[in-house]
N, C-alpha and C. Protein backbone atom coordinates (compact mmCIF):
# COMPACT_ATOMS: atom_id res chain seq x y z
N MET A 1 9.91 -21.83 0.28
CA MET A 1 10.09 -20.97 1.45
C MET A 1 11.21 -19.96 1.23
N LYS A 2 12.32 -20.38 0.55
CA LYS A 2 13.40 -19.50 0.24
C LYS A 2 12.95 -18.30 -0.56
N ARG A 3 12.05 -18.53 -1.51
CA ARG A 3 11.52 -17.44 -2.32
C ARG A 3 10.78 -16.42 -1.53
N MET A 4 10.05 -16.92 -0.50
CA MET A 4 9.33 -15.94 0.35
C MET A 4 10.33 -15.08 1.15
N ARG A 5 11.42 -15.66 1.63
CA ARG A 5 12.41 -14.93 2.33
C ARG A 5 13.05 -13.85 1.45
N VAL A 6 13.34 -14.24 0.15
CA VAL A 6 13.90 -13.29 -0.78
C VAL A 6 12.87 -12.16 -1.05
N LEU A 7 11.59 -12.51 -1.20
CA LEU A 7 10.60 -11.50 -1.43
C LEU A 7 10.51 -10.54 -0.28
N TRP A 8 10.44 -11.10 0.93
CA TRP A 8 10.40 -10.26 2.15
C TRP A 8 11.61 -9.41 2.31
N HIS A 9 12.79 -9.96 1.93
CA HIS A 9 14.01 -9.15 1.94
C HIS A 9 13.92 -7.99 1.02
N VAL A 10 13.41 -8.22 -0.20
CA VAL A 10 13.26 -7.04 -1.18
C VAL A 10 12.28 -5.98 -0.68
N ILE A 11 11.18 -6.50 -0.01
CA ILE A 11 10.18 -5.57 0.51
C ILE A 11 10.77 -4.73 1.67
N ARG A 12 11.51 -5.38 2.54
CA ARG A 12 12.06 -4.63 3.63
C ARG A 12 13.15 -3.63 3.22
N ILE A 13 13.99 -4.09 2.29
CA ILE A 13 15.09 -3.12 1.81
C ILE A 13 14.46 -1.91 1.11
N SER A 14 13.42 -2.12 0.38
CA SER A 14 12.83 -0.95 -0.31
C SER A 14 11.95 -0.12 0.56
N GLY A 15 11.62 -0.59 1.75
CA GLY A 15 10.73 0.19 2.66
C GLY A 15 9.30 0.08 2.24
N ALA A 16 9.01 -0.82 1.36
CA ALA A 16 7.63 -1.02 0.87
C ALA A 16 6.67 -1.43 1.95
N ASP A 17 7.15 -2.15 2.99
CA ASP A 17 6.24 -2.52 4.03
C ASP A 17 5.61 -1.35 4.69
N TYR A 18 6.35 -0.31 4.90
CA TYR A 18 5.77 0.89 5.51
C TYR A 18 4.84 1.65 4.56
N ILE A 19 5.20 1.61 3.31
CA ILE A 19 4.35 2.30 2.30
C ILE A 19 3.03 1.56 2.15
N PHE A 20 3.06 0.23 2.09
CA PHE A 20 1.83 -0.55 2.02
C PHE A 20 0.98 -0.36 3.24
N ALA A 21 1.57 -0.35 4.42
CA ALA A 21 0.83 -0.23 5.67
C ALA A 21 0.23 1.20 5.71
N GLY A 22 1.00 2.19 5.29
CA GLY A 22 0.45 3.53 5.28
C GLY A 22 -0.66 3.68 4.28
N PHE A 23 -0.59 3.08 3.13
CA PHE A 23 -1.65 3.09 2.13
C PHE A 23 -2.94 2.49 2.70
N LEU A 24 -2.81 1.39 3.37
CA LEU A 24 -4.05 0.71 3.93
C LEU A 24 -4.66 1.64 5.03
N ILE A 25 -3.78 2.32 5.80
CA ILE A 25 -4.37 3.23 6.76
C ILE A 25 -5.05 4.38 6.08
N VAL A 26 -4.41 5.02 5.09
CA VAL A 26 -5.00 6.09 4.37
C VAL A 26 -6.33 5.65 3.69
N LEU A 27 -6.30 4.50 3.12
CA LEU A 27 -7.48 3.95 2.45
C LEU A 27 -8.60 3.76 3.41
N GLY A 28 -8.28 3.22 4.62
CA GLY A 28 -9.33 3.08 5.64
C GLY A 28 -9.85 4.38 6.14
N VAL A 29 -9.00 5.30 6.45
CA VAL A 29 -9.44 6.60 6.96
C VAL A 29 -10.29 7.29 5.93
N ALA A 30 -9.85 7.27 4.64
CA ALA A 30 -10.55 7.95 3.60
C ALA A 30 -11.94 7.30 3.37
N GLY A 31 -11.94 5.92 3.48
CA GLY A 31 -13.24 5.26 3.35
C GLY A 31 -14.21 5.55 4.41
N PHE A 32 -13.66 5.85 5.59
CA PHE A 32 -14.43 6.20 6.73
C PHE A 32 -14.97 7.65 6.59
N LEU A 33 -14.11 8.53 6.10
CA LEU A 33 -14.51 9.98 5.99
C LEU A 33 -15.45 10.26 4.85
N LEU A 34 -15.33 9.62 3.74
CA LEU A 34 -16.12 9.90 2.55
C LEU A 34 -17.68 9.90 2.78
N PRO A 35 -18.21 8.85 3.45
CA PRO A 35 -19.67 8.84 3.73
C PRO A 35 -20.12 10.02 4.68
N ARG A 36 -19.19 10.56 5.50
CA ARG A 36 -19.55 11.62 6.38
C ARG A 36 -19.36 12.98 5.65
N LEU A 37 -18.62 13.03 4.55
CA LEU A 37 -18.40 14.33 3.89
C LEU A 37 -19.17 14.46 2.58
N GLU A 38 -19.48 13.36 1.95
CA GLU A 38 -20.12 13.36 0.69
C GLU A 38 -21.54 12.67 0.83
N PRO A 39 -22.55 13.36 0.42
CA PRO A 39 -23.94 12.77 0.59
C PRO A 39 -24.22 11.57 -0.27
N GLN A 40 -23.48 11.43 -1.40
CA GLN A 40 -23.73 10.34 -2.36
C GLN A 40 -23.26 8.97 -1.75
N PHE A 41 -22.31 8.97 -0.84
CA PHE A 41 -21.77 7.74 -0.29
C PHE A 41 -22.59 7.42 0.98
N THR A 42 -23.19 6.23 0.97
CA THR A 42 -24.04 5.86 2.09
C THR A 42 -23.32 5.10 3.18
N ASP A 43 -22.25 4.36 2.91
CA ASP A 43 -21.59 3.65 3.94
C ASP A 43 -20.09 3.45 3.62
N PHE A 44 -19.38 2.80 4.47
CA PHE A 44 -17.94 2.58 4.36
C PHE A 44 -17.66 1.78 3.10
N GLY A 45 -18.43 0.83 2.75
CA GLY A 45 -18.22 0.00 1.63
C GLY A 45 -18.29 0.83 0.31
N ASP A 46 -19.20 1.76 0.27
CA ASP A 46 -19.34 2.63 -0.93
C ASP A 46 -18.06 3.44 -1.04
N GLY A 47 -17.60 4.01 0.05
CA GLY A 47 -16.41 4.78 0.04
C GLY A 47 -15.18 4.01 -0.40
N LEU A 48 -15.04 2.78 0.14
CA LEU A 48 -13.94 1.91 -0.29
C LEU A 48 -14.00 1.63 -1.83
N TRP A 49 -15.23 1.29 -2.25
CA TRP A 49 -15.37 0.98 -3.69
C TRP A 49 -14.98 2.11 -4.60
N TYR A 50 -15.45 3.35 -4.20
CA TYR A 50 -15.11 4.56 -4.97
C TYR A 50 -13.61 4.77 -4.92
N LEU A 51 -12.98 4.60 -3.79
CA LEU A 51 -11.52 4.82 -3.72
C LEU A 51 -10.77 3.73 -4.52
N PHE A 52 -11.20 2.53 -4.52
CA PHE A 52 -10.57 1.48 -5.28
C PHE A 52 -10.67 1.82 -6.79
N VAL A 53 -11.83 2.22 -7.22
CA VAL A 53 -12.06 2.53 -8.64
C VAL A 53 -11.23 3.79 -9.01
N SER A 54 -11.01 4.67 -8.03
CA SER A 54 -10.25 5.89 -8.33
C SER A 54 -8.75 5.59 -8.41
N PHE A 55 -8.21 4.87 -7.39
CA PHE A 55 -6.76 4.68 -7.41
C PHE A 55 -6.29 3.69 -8.47
N THR A 56 -7.16 2.84 -8.96
CA THR A 56 -6.82 1.94 -10.04
C THR A 56 -7.01 2.62 -11.42
N THR A 57 -7.54 3.80 -11.37
CA THR A 57 -7.83 4.64 -12.56
C THR A 57 -8.80 3.96 -13.52
N VAL A 58 -9.72 3.16 -12.92
CA VAL A 58 -10.77 2.52 -13.73
C VAL A 58 -11.88 3.50 -13.96
N GLY A 59 -12.33 4.10 -12.88
CA GLY A 59 -13.33 5.19 -12.96
C GLY A 59 -14.66 4.84 -13.60
N PHE A 60 -15.39 3.92 -12.93
CA PHE A 60 -16.70 3.47 -13.47
C PHE A 60 -17.72 4.63 -13.49
N GLY A 61 -17.56 5.60 -12.58
CA GLY A 61 -18.49 6.74 -12.57
C GLY A 61 -19.81 6.47 -11.78
N ASP A 62 -19.90 5.32 -11.08
CA ASP A 62 -21.12 5.06 -10.31
C ASP A 62 -21.21 5.93 -9.06
N TYR A 63 -20.05 6.40 -8.59
CA TYR A 63 -19.99 7.37 -7.49
C TYR A 63 -19.04 8.45 -7.87
N VAL A 64 -19.35 9.67 -7.44
CA VAL A 64 -18.53 10.82 -7.73
C VAL A 64 -18.50 11.77 -6.51
N ALA A 65 -17.28 12.17 -6.19
CA ALA A 65 -17.13 13.11 -5.13
C ALA A 65 -17.38 14.51 -5.66
N THR A 66 -18.26 15.25 -5.12
CA THR A 66 -18.64 16.60 -5.60
C THR A 66 -18.10 17.74 -4.78
N GLY A 67 -17.92 17.45 -3.47
CA GLY A 67 -17.42 18.50 -2.60
C GLY A 67 -15.96 18.61 -2.58
N PRO A 68 -15.38 19.75 -2.13
CA PRO A 68 -13.93 19.95 -2.10
C PRO A 68 -13.21 18.93 -1.23
N ALA A 69 -13.76 18.61 -0.06
CA ALA A 69 -13.09 17.67 0.83
C ALA A 69 -13.00 16.26 0.11
N GLY A 70 -14.15 15.85 -0.46
CA GLY A 70 -14.16 14.55 -1.13
C GLY A 70 -13.19 14.53 -2.32
N ARG A 71 -13.07 15.61 -3.01
CA ARG A 71 -12.15 15.67 -4.18
C ARG A 71 -10.70 15.62 -3.71
N ILE A 72 -10.38 16.32 -2.61
CA ILE A 72 -9.06 16.34 -2.10
C ILE A 72 -8.66 14.88 -1.59
N ILE A 73 -9.59 14.22 -0.91
CA ILE A 73 -9.41 12.83 -0.46
C ILE A 73 -9.14 11.94 -1.68
N THR A 74 -9.92 12.19 -2.73
CA THR A 74 -9.78 11.30 -3.90
C THR A 74 -8.42 11.53 -4.58
N VAL A 75 -7.99 12.77 -4.65
CA VAL A 75 -6.64 13.07 -5.24
C VAL A 75 -5.53 12.40 -4.41
N VAL A 76 -5.60 12.54 -3.08
CA VAL A 76 -4.58 11.99 -2.24
C VAL A 76 -4.50 10.46 -2.34
N VAL A 77 -5.68 9.83 -2.28
CA VAL A 77 -5.72 8.35 -2.41
C VAL A 77 -5.32 7.87 -3.79
N THR A 78 -5.71 8.55 -4.82
CA THR A 78 -5.34 8.19 -6.16
C THR A 78 -3.87 8.29 -6.37
N LEU A 79 -3.24 9.40 -5.99
CA LEU A 79 -1.81 9.54 -6.14
C LEU A 79 -1.06 8.47 -5.28
N TYR A 80 -1.52 8.26 -4.09
CA TYR A 80 -0.87 7.24 -3.23
C TYR A 80 -1.04 5.89 -3.87
N GLY A 81 -2.21 5.56 -4.42
CA GLY A 81 -2.43 4.28 -5.03
C GLY A 81 -1.56 4.04 -6.26
N ILE A 82 -1.37 5.11 -7.06
CA ILE A 82 -0.47 4.96 -8.27
C ILE A 82 0.96 4.74 -7.81
N LEU A 83 1.40 5.40 -6.69
CA LEU A 83 2.68 5.13 -6.12
C LEU A 83 2.83 3.66 -5.66
N VAL A 84 1.79 3.12 -5.04
CA VAL A 84 1.84 1.76 -4.54
C VAL A 84 1.91 0.79 -5.67
N VAL A 85 1.12 1.04 -6.75
CA VAL A 85 1.14 0.09 -7.92
C VAL A 85 2.51 0.17 -8.61
N ALA A 86 3.14 1.33 -8.73
CA ALA A 86 4.46 1.45 -9.33
C ALA A 86 5.46 0.78 -8.40
N LEU A 87 5.35 0.88 -7.11
CA LEU A 87 6.27 0.30 -6.20
C LEU A 87 6.18 -1.22 -6.29
N MET A 88 4.96 -1.76 -6.45
CA MET A 88 4.78 -3.23 -6.54
C MET A 88 5.51 -3.75 -7.80
N THR A 89 5.48 -2.97 -8.84
CA THR A 89 6.14 -3.39 -10.06
C THR A 89 7.61 -3.43 -9.76
N GLY A 90 8.20 -2.44 -9.14
CA GLY A 90 9.63 -2.46 -8.77
C GLY A 90 10.01 -3.58 -7.92
N ILE A 91 9.11 -3.92 -6.94
CA ILE A 91 9.38 -5.06 -6.04
C ILE A 91 9.42 -6.35 -6.72
N ILE A 92 8.48 -6.54 -7.70
CA ILE A 92 8.45 -7.79 -8.43
C ILE A 92 9.74 -7.92 -9.28
N VAL A 93 10.15 -6.85 -9.93
CA VAL A 93 11.42 -6.91 -10.71
C VAL A 93 12.56 -7.17 -9.79
N GLY A 94 12.63 -6.50 -8.69
CA GLY A 94 13.71 -6.72 -7.67
C GLY A 94 13.73 -8.13 -7.17
N PHE A 95 12.60 -8.69 -6.96
CA PHE A 95 12.46 -10.06 -6.46
C PHE A 95 13.04 -11.06 -7.48
N TYR A 96 12.64 -10.92 -8.72
CA TYR A 96 13.18 -11.84 -9.74
C TYR A 96 14.62 -11.62 -10.01
N THR A 97 15.10 -10.36 -9.87
CA THR A 97 16.56 -10.12 -10.04
C THR A 97 17.35 -10.81 -8.94
N GLU A 98 16.87 -10.75 -7.67
CA GLU A 98 17.53 -11.37 -6.57
C GLU A 98 17.48 -12.88 -6.78
N LEU A 99 16.34 -13.41 -7.19
CA LEU A 99 16.20 -14.86 -7.43
C LEU A 99 17.17 -15.38 -8.45
N LEU A 100 17.26 -14.67 -9.55
CA LEU A 100 18.21 -15.01 -10.61
C LEU A 100 19.64 -14.88 -10.22
N LYS A 101 19.93 -13.86 -9.39
CA LYS A 101 21.28 -13.73 -8.88
C LYS A 101 21.65 -14.89 -7.90
N ALA A 102 20.73 -15.30 -7.05
CA ALA A 102 20.96 -16.42 -6.18
C ALA A 102 21.17 -17.70 -6.94
N ARG A 103 20.34 -17.92 -7.98
CA ARG A 103 20.53 -19.10 -8.81
C ARG A 103 21.88 -19.15 -9.46
N ALA A 104 22.35 -18.02 -10.02
CA ALA A 104 23.61 -17.93 -10.72
C ALA A 104 24.73 -18.14 -9.70
N THR A 105 24.60 -17.60 -8.49
CA THR A 105 25.63 -17.83 -7.50
C THR A 105 25.74 -19.30 -7.06
N ASN A 106 24.59 -19.93 -6.99
CA ASN A 106 24.61 -21.35 -6.56
C ASN A 106 25.22 -22.20 -7.69
N ALA A 107 24.84 -21.87 -8.94
CA ALA A 107 25.40 -22.62 -10.08
C ALA A 107 26.92 -22.42 -10.16
N LEU A 108 27.36 -21.20 -9.88
CA LEU A 108 28.79 -20.96 -9.91
C LEU A 108 29.50 -21.66 -8.80
N ASP A 109 28.90 -21.66 -7.61
CA ASP A 109 29.52 -22.35 -6.50
C ASP A 109 29.63 -23.89 -6.74
N ASP A 110 28.61 -24.44 -7.36
CA ASP A 110 28.67 -25.88 -7.74
C ASP A 110 29.83 -26.06 -8.73
N PHE A 111 29.94 -25.19 -9.69
CA PHE A 111 30.97 -25.32 -10.70
C PHE A 111 32.35 -25.19 -10.14
N VAL A 112 32.57 -24.28 -9.22
CA VAL A 112 33.85 -24.11 -8.55
C VAL A 112 34.19 -25.35 -7.72
N LYS A 113 33.20 -25.94 -7.02
CA LYS A 113 33.48 -27.10 -6.24
C LYS A 113 33.94 -28.31 -7.15
N GLU A 114 33.25 -28.31 -8.33
CA GLU A 114 33.65 -29.36 -9.33
C GLU A 114 35.08 -29.17 -9.80
N LEU A 115 35.43 -27.91 -10.03
CA LEU A 115 36.79 -27.58 -10.46
C LEU A 115 37.83 -27.87 -9.41
N GLU A 116 37.47 -27.76 -8.15
CA GLU A 116 38.39 -27.99 -7.05
C GLU A 116 38.83 -29.44 -7.02
N HIS A 117 37.93 -30.35 -7.54
CA HIS A 117 38.25 -31.79 -7.57
C HIS A 117 38.69 -32.25 -8.95
N LEU A 118 39.24 -31.30 -9.70
CA LEU A 118 39.67 -31.59 -11.04
C LEU A 118 40.65 -32.76 -11.19
N PRO A 119 41.68 -32.84 -10.27
CA PRO A 119 42.62 -33.91 -10.41
C PRO A 119 42.02 -35.32 -10.18
N ASP A 120 40.91 -35.39 -9.46
CA ASP A 120 40.26 -36.64 -9.12
C ASP A 120 39.36 -37.16 -10.15
N LEU A 121 39.05 -36.31 -11.18
CA LEU A 121 38.01 -36.69 -12.21
C LEU A 121 38.63 -37.66 -13.22
N SER A 122 37.77 -38.53 -13.70
CA SER A 122 38.16 -39.46 -14.72
C SER A 122 38.15 -38.70 -16.09
N ARG A 123 38.65 -39.37 -17.11
CA ARG A 123 38.71 -38.77 -18.48
C ARG A 123 37.30 -38.40 -18.95
N GLU A 124 36.35 -39.31 -18.72
CA GLU A 124 34.95 -39.12 -19.18
C GLU A 124 34.31 -37.93 -18.41
N GLN A 125 34.63 -37.83 -17.15
CA GLN A 125 34.10 -36.71 -16.38
C GLN A 125 34.73 -35.38 -16.80
N LEU A 126 35.99 -35.39 -17.21
CA LEU A 126 36.60 -34.21 -17.72
C LEU A 126 36.03 -33.79 -19.02
N LEU A 127 35.78 -34.77 -19.89
CA LEU A 127 35.19 -34.40 -21.19
C LEU A 127 33.72 -33.86 -20.97
N ASP A 128 32.98 -34.44 -20.07
CA ASP A 128 31.69 -33.99 -19.72
C ASP A 128 31.79 -32.52 -19.20
N LEU A 129 32.70 -32.27 -18.34
CA LEU A 129 32.88 -30.93 -17.77
C LEU A 129 33.24 -29.93 -18.85
N ALA A 130 34.13 -30.32 -19.78
CA ALA A 130 34.53 -29.47 -20.85
C ALA A 130 33.35 -29.17 -21.70
N GLU A 131 32.49 -30.10 -21.97
CA GLU A 131 31.36 -29.89 -22.83
C GLU A 131 30.35 -28.91 -22.14
N ARG A 132 30.17 -29.02 -20.85
CA ARG A 132 29.31 -28.16 -20.12
C ARG A 132 29.82 -26.72 -20.09
N ILE A 133 31.13 -26.59 -20.00
CA ILE A 133 31.73 -25.29 -20.08
C ILE A 133 31.54 -24.61 -21.40
N ARG A 134 31.66 -25.40 -22.54
CA ARG A 134 31.41 -24.85 -23.81
C ARG A 134 29.95 -24.44 -24.05
N SER A 135 29.06 -25.33 -23.52
CA SER A 135 27.63 -24.99 -23.70
C SER A 135 27.14 -23.81 -22.89
N ARG A 136 27.83 -23.52 -21.77
CA ARG A 136 27.54 -22.35 -20.96
C ARG A 136 28.22 -21.12 -21.48
N ARG A 137 29.11 -21.31 -22.45
CA ARG A 137 29.85 -20.17 -23.00
C ARG A 137 30.75 -19.48 -21.93
N ILE A 138 31.25 -20.27 -20.98
CA ILE A 138 32.14 -19.74 -19.99
C ILE A 138 33.45 -19.40 -20.60
N LEU A 139 33.87 -20.26 -21.51
CA LEU A 139 35.10 -20.02 -22.24
C LEU A 139 34.81 -20.00 -23.72
N PRO A 140 35.56 -19.21 -24.48
CA PRO A 140 35.33 -19.17 -25.92
C PRO A 140 35.60 -20.61 -26.54
N ASP A 141 34.86 -20.85 -27.61
CA ASP A 141 35.11 -22.14 -28.39
C ASP A 141 36.44 -22.05 -29.01
N SER A 142 37.18 -23.22 -29.00
CA SER A 142 38.49 -23.24 -29.62
C SER A 142 38.48 -24.04 -30.92
């Protein structure tokens, strides 16, 4: 559940929630308009399929917009789709960066808590702590 909160935090900070919502609206409106503007598209599903194939740059060629309005819609949706795909890549990278940062902070907090109780540790616990410090390369080897 914590990971979902981190992901939502990254999405909100980047403003991607508005961009995704806007893309879905543009996709829906374009899918609705294409069958009315282009004779080759018979229904909403054909329009959505064509737009999906266009913005993912797959381009099967089973449908083609031939009129100027259909071509403009295709260009707008394709460019918006490329933006959304690029944004998703950035969000995934940001998510994992935040996750790794949180893990490092938690590990460091645990380490500091252990150091705060240093006088109370036994000789074996001190040796174990020293070995962990060396293995993490927190301090140079002596």
